[in-house]
Amino acid sequence: DGRFWEAGRVDFSGIGSHLIVETIHPGASVDLPGG
């Protein structure tokens, strides 16, 4: 319904490091012309 939750991993290869992330509140999107 136009809202979303997300979790995963972000890698920074140049320094061999990563972050683990998750949403607490949903994100939101809206449809625009042209798909």
All heavy atoms as atom14 arrays in JSON, in Angstrom:
{
  "sequence": "DGRFWEAGRVDFSGIGSHLIVETIHPGASVDLPGG",
  "atom14_mask": [
    [1, 1, 1, 1, 1, 1, 1, 1, 0, 0, 0, 0, 0, 0],
    [1, 1, 1, 1, 0, 0, 0, 0, 0, 0, 0, 0, 0, 0],
    [1, 1, 1, 1, 1, 1, 1, 1, 1, 1, 1, 0, 0, 0],
    [1, 1, 1, 1, 1, 1, 1, 1, 1, 1, 1, 0, 0, 0],
    [1, 1, 1, 1, 1, 1, 1, 1, 1, 1, 1, 1, 1, 1],
    [1, 1, 1, 1, 1, 1, 1, 1, 1, 0, 0, 0, 0, 0],
    [1, 1, 1, 1, 1, 0, 0, 0, 0, 0, 0, 0, 0, 0],
    [1, 1, 1, 1, 0, 0, 0, 0, 0, 0, 0, 0, 0, 0],
    [1, 1, 1, 1, 1, 1, 1, 1, 1, 1, 1, 0, 0, 0],
    [1, 1, 1, 1, 1, 1, 1, 0, 0, 0, 0, 0, 0, 0],
    [1, 1, 1, 1, 1, 1, 1, 1, 0, 0, 0, 0, 0, 0],
    [1, 1, 1, 1, 1, 1, 1, 1, 1, 1, 1, 0, 0, 0],
    [1, 1, 1, 1, 1, 1, 0, 0, 0, 0, 0, 0, 0, 0],
    [1, 1, 1, 1, 0, 0, 0, 0, 0, 0, 0, 0, 0, 0],
    [1, 1, 1, 1, 1, 1, 1, 1, 0, 0, 0, 0, 0, 0],
    [1, 1, 1, 1, 0, 0, 0, 0, 0, 0, 0, 0, 0, 0],
    [1, 1, 1, 1, 1, 1, 0, 0, 0, 0, 0, 0, 0, 0],
    [1, 1, 1, 1, 1, 1, 1, 1, 1, 1, 0, 0, 0, 0],
    [1, 1, 1, 1, 1, 1, 1, 1, 0, 0, 0, 0, 0, 0],
    [1, 1, 1, 1, 1, 1, 1, 1, 0, 0, 0, 0, 0, 0],
    [1, 1, 1, 1, 1, 1, 1, 0, 0, 0, 0, 0, 0, 0],
    [1, 1, 1, 1, 1, 1, 1, 1, 1, 0, 0, 0, 0, 0],
    [1, 1, 1, 1, 1, 1, 1, 0, 0, 0, 0, 0, 0, 0],
    [1, 1, 1, 1, 1, 1, 1, 1, 0, 0, 0, 0, 0, 0],
    [1, 1, 1, 1, 1, 1, 1, 1, 1, 1, 0, 0, 0, 0],
    [1, 1, 1, 1, 1, 1, 1, 0, 0, 0, 0, 0, 0, 0],
    [1, 1, 1, 1, 0, 0, 0, 0, 0, 0, 0, 0, 0, 0],
    [1, 1, 1, 1, 1, 0, 0, 0, 0, 0, 0, 0, 0, 0],
    [1, 1, 1, 1, 1, 1, 0, 0, 0, 0, 0, 0, 0, 0],
    [1, 1, 1, 1, 1, 1, 1, 0, 0, 0, 0, 0, 0, 0],
    [1, 1, 1, 1, 1, 1, 1, 1, 0, 0, 0, 0, 0, 0],
    [1, 1, 1, 1, 1, 1, 1, 1, 0, 0, 0, 0, 0, 0],
    [1, 1, 1, 1, 1, 1, 1, 0, 0, 0, 0, 0, 0, 0],
    [1, 1, 1, 1, 0, 0, 0, 0, 0, 0, 0, 0, 0, 0],
    [1, 1, 1, 1, 0, 0, 0, 0, 0, 0, 0, 0, 0, 0]
  ],
  "atom14_positions": [
    [[0.8, -1.22, 0.0], [0.0, 0.0, 0.0], [0.83, 1.28, 0.0], [0.54, 2.23, 0.73], [-0.96, 0.02, 1.2], [-1.92, -1.16, 1.19], [-2.32, -1.58, 0.08], [-2.26, -1.66, 2.28], [0.0, 0.0, 0.0], [0.0, 0.0, 0.0], [0.0, 0.0, 0.0], [0.0, 0.0, 0.0], [0.0, 0.0, 0.0], [0.0, 0.0, 0.0]],
    [[1.89, 1.32, -0.82], [2.71, 2.52, -0.93], [3.67, 2.74, 0.23], [4.35, 3.76, 0.29], [0.0, 0.0, 0.0], [0.0, 0.0, 0.0], [0.0, 0.0, 0.0], [0.0, 0.0, 0.0], [0.0, 0.0, 0.0], [0.0, 0.0, 0.0], [0.0, 0.0, 0.0], [0.0, 0.0, 0.0], [0.0, 0.0, 0.0], [0.0, 0.0, 0.0]],
    [[3.75, 1.79, 1.15], [4.69, 1.87, 2.27], [5.58, 0.64, 2.21], [5.21, -0.38, 1.66], [3.95, 1.93, 3.6], [3.07, 3.13, 3.71], [2.36, 3.3, 5.03], [2.05, 2.05, 5.72], [1.88, 1.96, 7.03], [2.0, 3.01, 7.79], [1.57, 0.8, 7.58], [0.0, 0.0, 0.0], [0.0, 0.0, 0.0], [0.0, 0.0, 0.0]],
    [[6.77, 0.75, 2.8], [7.68, -0.39, 2.76], [8.63, -0.37, 3.94], [8.93, 0.66, 4.52], [8.44, -0.43, 1.44], [9.1, 0.87, 1.08], [10.41, 1.11, 1.41], [8.38, 1.86, 0.42], [11.0, 2.31, 1.1], [8.96, 3.06, 0.1], [10.28, 3.29, 0.45], [0.0, 0.0, 0.0], [0.0, 0.0, 0.0], [0.0, 0.0, 0.0]],
    [[9.08, -1.57, 4.29], [10.03, -1.81, 5.35], [11.23, -2.51, 4.71], [11.08, -3.27, 3.76], [9.43, -2.69, 6.43], [8.28, -2.05, 7.13], [8.31, -1.44, 8.35], [6.93, -1.94, 6.68], [7.08, -0.95, 8.68], [6.2, -1.25, 7.66], [6.25, -2.34, 5.53], [4.85, -0.96, 7.55], [4.89, -2.05, 5.4], [4.21, -1.38, 6.4]],
    [[12.42, -2.28, 5.25], [13.62, -2.81, 4.6], [14.69, -3.12, 5.63], [14.82, -2.43, 6.64], [14.13, -1.76, 3.61], [15.26, -2.19, 2.74], [15.55, -1.17, 1.64], [15.1, -0.01, 1.74], [16.24, -1.55, 0.69], [0.0, 0.0, 0.0], [0.0, 0.0, 0.0], [0.0, 0.0, 0.0], [0.0, 0.0, 0.0], [0.0, 0.0, 0.0]],
    [[15.48, -4.16, 5.37], [16.61, -4.52, 6.23], [17.69, -5.15, 5.37], [17.38, -5.8, 4.36], [16.17, -5.48, 7.32], [0.0, 0.0, 0.0], [0.0, 0.0, 0.0], [0.0, 0.0, 0.0], [0.0, 0.0, 0.0], [0.0, 0.0, 0.0], [0.0, 0.0, 0.0], [0.0, 0.0, 0.0], [0.0, 0.0, 0.0], [0.0, 0.0, 0.0]],
    [[18.95, -4.96, 5.76], [20.03, -5.58, 5.01], [21.4, -5.04, 5.37], [21.61, -4.52, 6.47], [0.0, 0.0, 0.0], [0.0, 0.0, 0.0], [0.0, 0.0, 0.0], [0.0, 0.0, 0.0], [0.0, 0.0, 0.0], [0.0, 0.0, 0.0], [0.0, 0.0, 0.0], [0.0, 0.0, 0.0], [0.0, 0.0, 0.0], [0.0, 0.0, 0.0]],
    [[22.29, -5.14, 4.4], [23.71, -4.85, 4.63], [24.22, -3.9, 3.55], [23.91, -4.06, 2.37], [24.49, -6.16, 4.59], [25.97, -6.03, 4.73], [26.6, -7.4, 4.76], [28.02, -7.32, 4.52], [28.92, -8.0, 5.18], [28.55, -8.84, 6.13], [30.2, -7.88, 4.9], [0.0, 0.0, 0.0], [0.0, 0.0, 0.0], [0.0, 0.0, 0.0]],
    [[25.04, -2.94, 4.0], [25.71, -2.0, 3.09], [27.2, -2.23, 3.23], [27.75, -2.19, 4.34], [25.37, -0.53, 3.45], [26.02, 0.42, 2.46], [23.87, -0.31, 3.53], [0.0, 0.0, 0.0], [0.0, 0.0, 0.0], [0.0, 0.0, 0.0], [0.0, 0.0, 0.0], [0.0, 0.0, 0.0], [0.0, 0.0, 0.0], [0.0, 0.0, 0.0]],
    [[27.88, -2.51, 2.11], [29.31, -2.79, 2.11], [30.1, -1.63, 1.55], [29.7, -1.02, 0.54], [29.61, -4.05, 1.29], [29.15, -5.3, 2.01], [29.8, -5.67, 3.01], [28.16, -5.9, 1.58], [0.0, 0.0, 0.0], [0.0, 0.0, 0.0], [0.0, 0.0, 0.0], [0.0, 0.0, 0.0], [0.0, 0.0, 0.0], [0.0, 0.0, 0.0]],
    [[31.23, -1.33, 2.19], [32.18, -0.34, 1.73], [33.47, -1.1, 1.43], [34.32, -1.28, 2.31], [32.37, 0.76, 2.78], [31.1, 1.52, 3.03], [30.2, 1.11, 4.0], [30.8, 2.65, 2.28], [29.02, 1.8, 4.22], [29.62, 3.35, 2.49], [28.73, 2.92, 3.46], [0.0, 0.0, 0.0], [0.0, 0.0, 0.0], [0.0, 0.0, 0.0]],
    [[33.62, -1.57, 0.19], [34.67, -2.52, -0.17], [36.07, -1.95, 0.0], [36.99, -2.7, 0.33], [34.46, -2.99, -1.61], [34.54, -1.88, -2.5], [0.0, 0.0, 0.0], [0.0, 0.0, 0.0], [0.0, 0.0, 0.0], [0.0, 0.0, 0.0], [0.0, 0.0, 0.0], [0.0, 0.0, 0.0], [0.0, 0.0, 0.0], [0.0, 0.0, 0.0]],
    [[36.23, -0.67, -0.22], [37.57, -0.07, -0.16], [38.21, -0.1, 1.21], [39.43, 0.01, 1.32], [0.0, 0.0, 0.0], [0.0, 0.0, 0.0], [0.0, 0.0, 0.0], [0.0, 0.0, 0.0], [0.0, 0.0, 0.0], [0.0, 0.0, 0.0], [0.0, 0.0, 0.0], [0.0, 0.0, 0.0], [0.0, 0.0, 0.0], [0.0, 0.0, 0.0]],
    [[37.4, -0.24, 2.26], [37.95, -0.32, 3.62], [37.54, -1.61, 4.32], [37.71, -1.76, 5.52], [37.58, 0.91, 4.49], [36.06, 1.05, 4.64], [38.21, 2.17, 3.93], [35.65, 2.09, 5.67], [0.0, 0.0, 0.0], [0.0, 0.0, 0.0], [0.0, 0.0, 0.0], [0.0, 0.0, 0.0], [0.0, 0.0, 0.0], [0.0, 0.0, 0.0]],
    [[37.0, -2.56, 3.55], [36.62, -3.86, 4.11], [35.66, -3.74, 5.28], [35.8, -4.44, 6.27], [0.0, 0.0, 0.0], [0.0, 0.0, 0.0], [0.0, 0.0, 0.0], [0.0, 0.0, 0.0], [0.0, 0.0, 0.0], [0.0, 0.0, 0.0], [0.0, 0.0, 0.0], [0.0, 0.0, 0.0], [0.0, 0.0, 0.0], [0.0, 0.0, 0.0]],
    [[34.68, -2.85, 5.15], [33.77, -2.58, 6.25], [32.32, -2.64, 5.78], [32.05, -2.49, 4.59], [34.07, -1.21, 6.85], [35.39, -1.17, 7.35], [0.0, 0.0, 0.0], [0.0, 0.0, 0.0], [0.0, 0.0, 0.0], [0.0, 0.0, 0.0], [0.0, 0.0, 0.0], [0.0, 0.0, 0.0], [0.0, 0.0, 0.0], [0.0, 0.0, 0.0]],
    [[31.39, -2.81, 6.73], [29.98, -2.86, 6.38], [29.12, -2.33, 7.52], [29.58, -2.2, 8.66], [29.55, -4.28, 6.01], [29.56, -5.22, 7.17], [30.68, -5.91, 7.57], [28.59, -5.57, 8.05], [30.4, -6.66, 8.63], [29.12, -6.46, 8.95], [0.0, 0.0, 0.0], [0.0, 0.0, 0.0], [0.0, 0.0, 0.0], [0.0, 0.0, 0.0]],
    [[27.87, -2.02, 7.16], [26.85, -1.61, 8.12], [25.64, -2.51, 7.97], [25.32, -2.93, 6.86], [26.42, -0.16, 7.87], [27.49, 0.9, 8.08], [27.02, 2.24, 7.53], [27.86, 1.01, 9.55], [0.0, 0.0, 0.0], [0.0, 0.0, 0.0], [0.0, 0.0, 0.0], [0.0, 0.0, 0.0], [0.0, 0.0, 0.0], [0.0, 0.0, 0.0]],
    [[24.96, -2.8, 9.08], [23.7, -3.54, 9.07], [22.61, -2.52, 9.38], [22.71, -1.78, 10.37], [23.69, -4.67, 10.12], [24.88, -5.62, 9.91], [22.35, -5.41, 10.1], [24.88, -6.34, 8.58], [0.0, 0.0, 0.0], [0.0, 0.0, 0.0], [0.0, 0.0, 0.0], [0.0, 0.0, 0.0], [0.0, 0.0, 0.0], [0.0, 0.0, 0.0]],
    [[21.57, -2.47, 8.53], [20.53, -1.46, 8.66], [19.15, -2.11, 8.65], [18.95, -3.18, 8.09], [20.61, -0.41, 7.53], [21.94, 0.33, 7.58], [20.41, -1.04, 6.16], [0.0, 0.0, 0.0], [0.0, 0.0, 0.0], [0.0, 0.0, 0.0], [0.0, 0.0, 0.0], [0.0, 0.0, 0.0], [0.0, 0.0, 0.0], [0.0, 0.0, 0.0]],
    [[18.2, -1.41, 9.29], [16.8, -1.83, 9.25], [15.91, -0.61, 9.47], [16.34, 0.37, 10.07], [16.5, -2.89, 10.31], [16.58, -2.38, 11.73], [16.27, -3.45, 12.77], [16.17, -4.63, 12.42], [16.14, -3.08, 13.96], [0.0, 0.0, 0.0], [0.0, 0.0, 0.0], [0.0, 0.0, 0.0], [0.0, 0.0, 0.0], [0.0, 0.0, 0.0]],
    [[14.69, -0.69, 8.96], [13.74, 0.39, 9.2], [12.98, 0.12, 10.49], [12.69, -1.03, 10.83], [12.74, 0.52, 8.04], [12.12, -0.75, 7.81], [13.4, 0.99, 6.77], [0.0, 0.0, 0.0], [0.0, 0.0, 0.0], [0.0, 0.0, 0.0], [0.0, 0.0, 0.0], [0.0, 0.0, 0.0], [0.0, 0.0, 0.0], [0.0, 0.0, 0.0]],
    [[12.66, 1.2, 11.17], [11.78, 1.13, 12.33], [10.39, 1.61, 11.93], [9.38, 1.06, 12.33], [12.34, 1.96, 13.49], [13.64, 1.34, 13.98], [11.32, 2.06, 14.63], [14.34, 2.13, 15.06], [0.0, 0.0, 0.0], [0.0, 0.0, 0.0], [0.0, 0.0, 0.0], [0.0, 0.0, 0.0], [0.0, 0.0, 0.0], [0.0, 0.0, 0.0]],
    [[10.36, 2.64, 11.09], [9.12, 3.19, 10.55], [9.13, 2.94, 9.05], [10.19, 2.93, 8.43], [9.02, 4.69, 10.84], [9.1, 5.0, 12.29], [8.06, 4.75, 13.16], [10.09, 5.54, 13.05], [8.42, 5.11, 14.37], [9.64, 5.59, 14.33], [0.0, 0.0, 0.0], [0.0, 0.0, 0.0], [0.0, 0.0, 0.0], [0.0, 0.0, 0.0]],
    [[7.99, 2.76, 8.44], [7.97, 2.48, 7.0], [8.39, 3.68, 6.17], [8.16, 4.83, 6.55], [6.52, 2.11, 6.73], [5.75, 2.77, 7.81], [6.65, 2.79, 9.02], [0.0, 0.0, 0.0], [0.0, 0.0, 0.0], [0.0, 0.0, 0.0], [0.0, 0.0, 0.0], [0.0, 0.0, 0.0], [0.0, 0.0, 0.0], [0.0, 0.0, 0.0]],
    [[9.02, 3.37, 5.04], [9.25, 4.39, 4.03], [7.97, 4.56, 3.23], [7.01, 3.8, 3.39], [0.0, 0.0, 0.0], [0.0, 0.0, 0.0], [0.0, 0.0, 0.0], [0.0, 0.0, 0.0], [0.0, 0.0, 0.0], [0.0, 0.0, 0.0], [0.0, 0.0, 0.0], [0.0, 0.0, 0.0], [0.0, 0.0, 0.0], [0.0, 0.0, 0.0]],
    [[7.96, 5.57, 2.37], [6.76, 5.83, 1.57], [7.17, 6.24, 0.17], [8.24, 6.81, -0.04], [5.91, 6.93, 2.21], [0.0, 0.0, 0.0], [0.0, 0.0, 0.0], [0.0, 0.0, 0.0], [0.0, 0.0, 0.0], [0.0, 0.0, 0.0], [0.0, 0.0, 0.0], [0.0, 0.0, 0.0], [0.0, 0.0, 0.0], [0.0, 0.0, 0.0]],
    [[6.3, 5.94, -0.78], [6.54, 6.35, -2.17], [5.23, 6.81, -2.79], [4.15, 6.47, -2.31], [7.15, 5.21, -2.98], [6.24, 4.13, -3.09], [0.0, 0.0, 0.0], [0.0, 0.0, 0.0], [0.0, 0.0, 0.0], [0.0, 0.0, 0.0], [0.0, 0.0, 0.0], [0.0, 0.0, 0.0], [0.0, 0.0, 0.0], [0.0, 0.0, 0.0]],
    [[5.37, 7.61, -3.84], [4.22, 8.07, -4.6], [4.48, 7.81, -6.08], [5.62, 7.84, -6.53], [3.93, 9.58, -4.38], [3.54, 9.84, -2.94], [5.12, 10.43, -4.77], [0.0, 0.0, 0.0], [0.0, 0.0, 0.0], [0.0, 0.0, 0.0], [0.0, 0.0, 0.0], [0.0, 0.0, 0.0], [0.0, 0.0, 0.0], [0.0, 0.0, 0.0]],
    [[3.42, 7.5, -6.8], [3.53, 7.29, -8.24], [3.52, 8.64, -8.95], [2.73, 9.53, -8.6], [2.37, 6.42, -8.74], [2.47, 5.0, -8.22], [3.61, 4.52, -8.01], [1.42, 4.36, -8.04], [0.0, 0.0, 0.0], [0.0, 0.0, 0.0], [0.0, 0.0, 0.0], [0.0, 0.0, 0.0], [0.0, 0.0, 0.0], [0.0, 0.0, 0.0]],
    [[4.39, 8.76, -9.93], [4.5, 9.97, -10.74], [4.15, 9.62, -12.18], [4.12, 8.44, -12.55], [5.93, 10.52, -10.67], [6.44, 10.88, -9.27], [7.9, 11.27, -9.33], [5.61, 11.99, -8.67], [0.0, 0.0, 0.0], [0.0, 0.0, 0.0], [0.0, 0.0, 0.0], [0.0, 0.0, 0.0], [0.0, 0.0, 0.0], [0.0, 0.0, 0.0]],
    [[3.91, 10.61, -13.02], [3.62, 10.33, -14.43], [4.77, 9.57, -15.1], [5.93, 9.69, -14.68], [3.47, 11.72, -15.04], [3.13, 12.62, -13.9], [3.83, 12.03, -12.7], [0.0, 0.0, 0.0], [0.0, 0.0, 0.0], [0.0, 0.0, 0.0], [0.0, 0.0, 0.0], [0.0, 0.0, 0.0], [0.0, 0.0, 0.0], [0.0, 0.0, 0.0]],
    [[4.45, 8.81, -16.1], [5.45, 8.1, -16.88], [5.96, 6.81, -16.25], [7.02, 6.32, -16.62], [0.0, 0.0, 0.0], [0.0, 0.0, 0.0], [0.0, 0.0, 0.0], [0.0, 0.0, 0.0], [0.0, 0.0, 0.0], [0.0, 0.0, 0.0], [0.0, 0.0, 0.0], [0.0, 0.0, 0.0], [0.0, 0.0, 0.0], [0.0, 0.0, 0.0]],
    [[5.2, 6.25, -15.31], [5.62, 4.97, -14.72], [6.77, 5.08, -13.75], [7.49, 4.12, -13.51], [0.0, 0.0, 0.0], [0.0, 0.0, 0.0], [0.0, 0.0, 0.0], [0.0, 0.0, 0.0], [0.0, 0.0, 0.0], [0.0, 0.0, 0.0], [0.0, 0.0, 0.0], [0.0, 0.0, 0.0], [0.0, 0.0, 0.0], [0.0, 0.0, 0.0]]
  ]
}
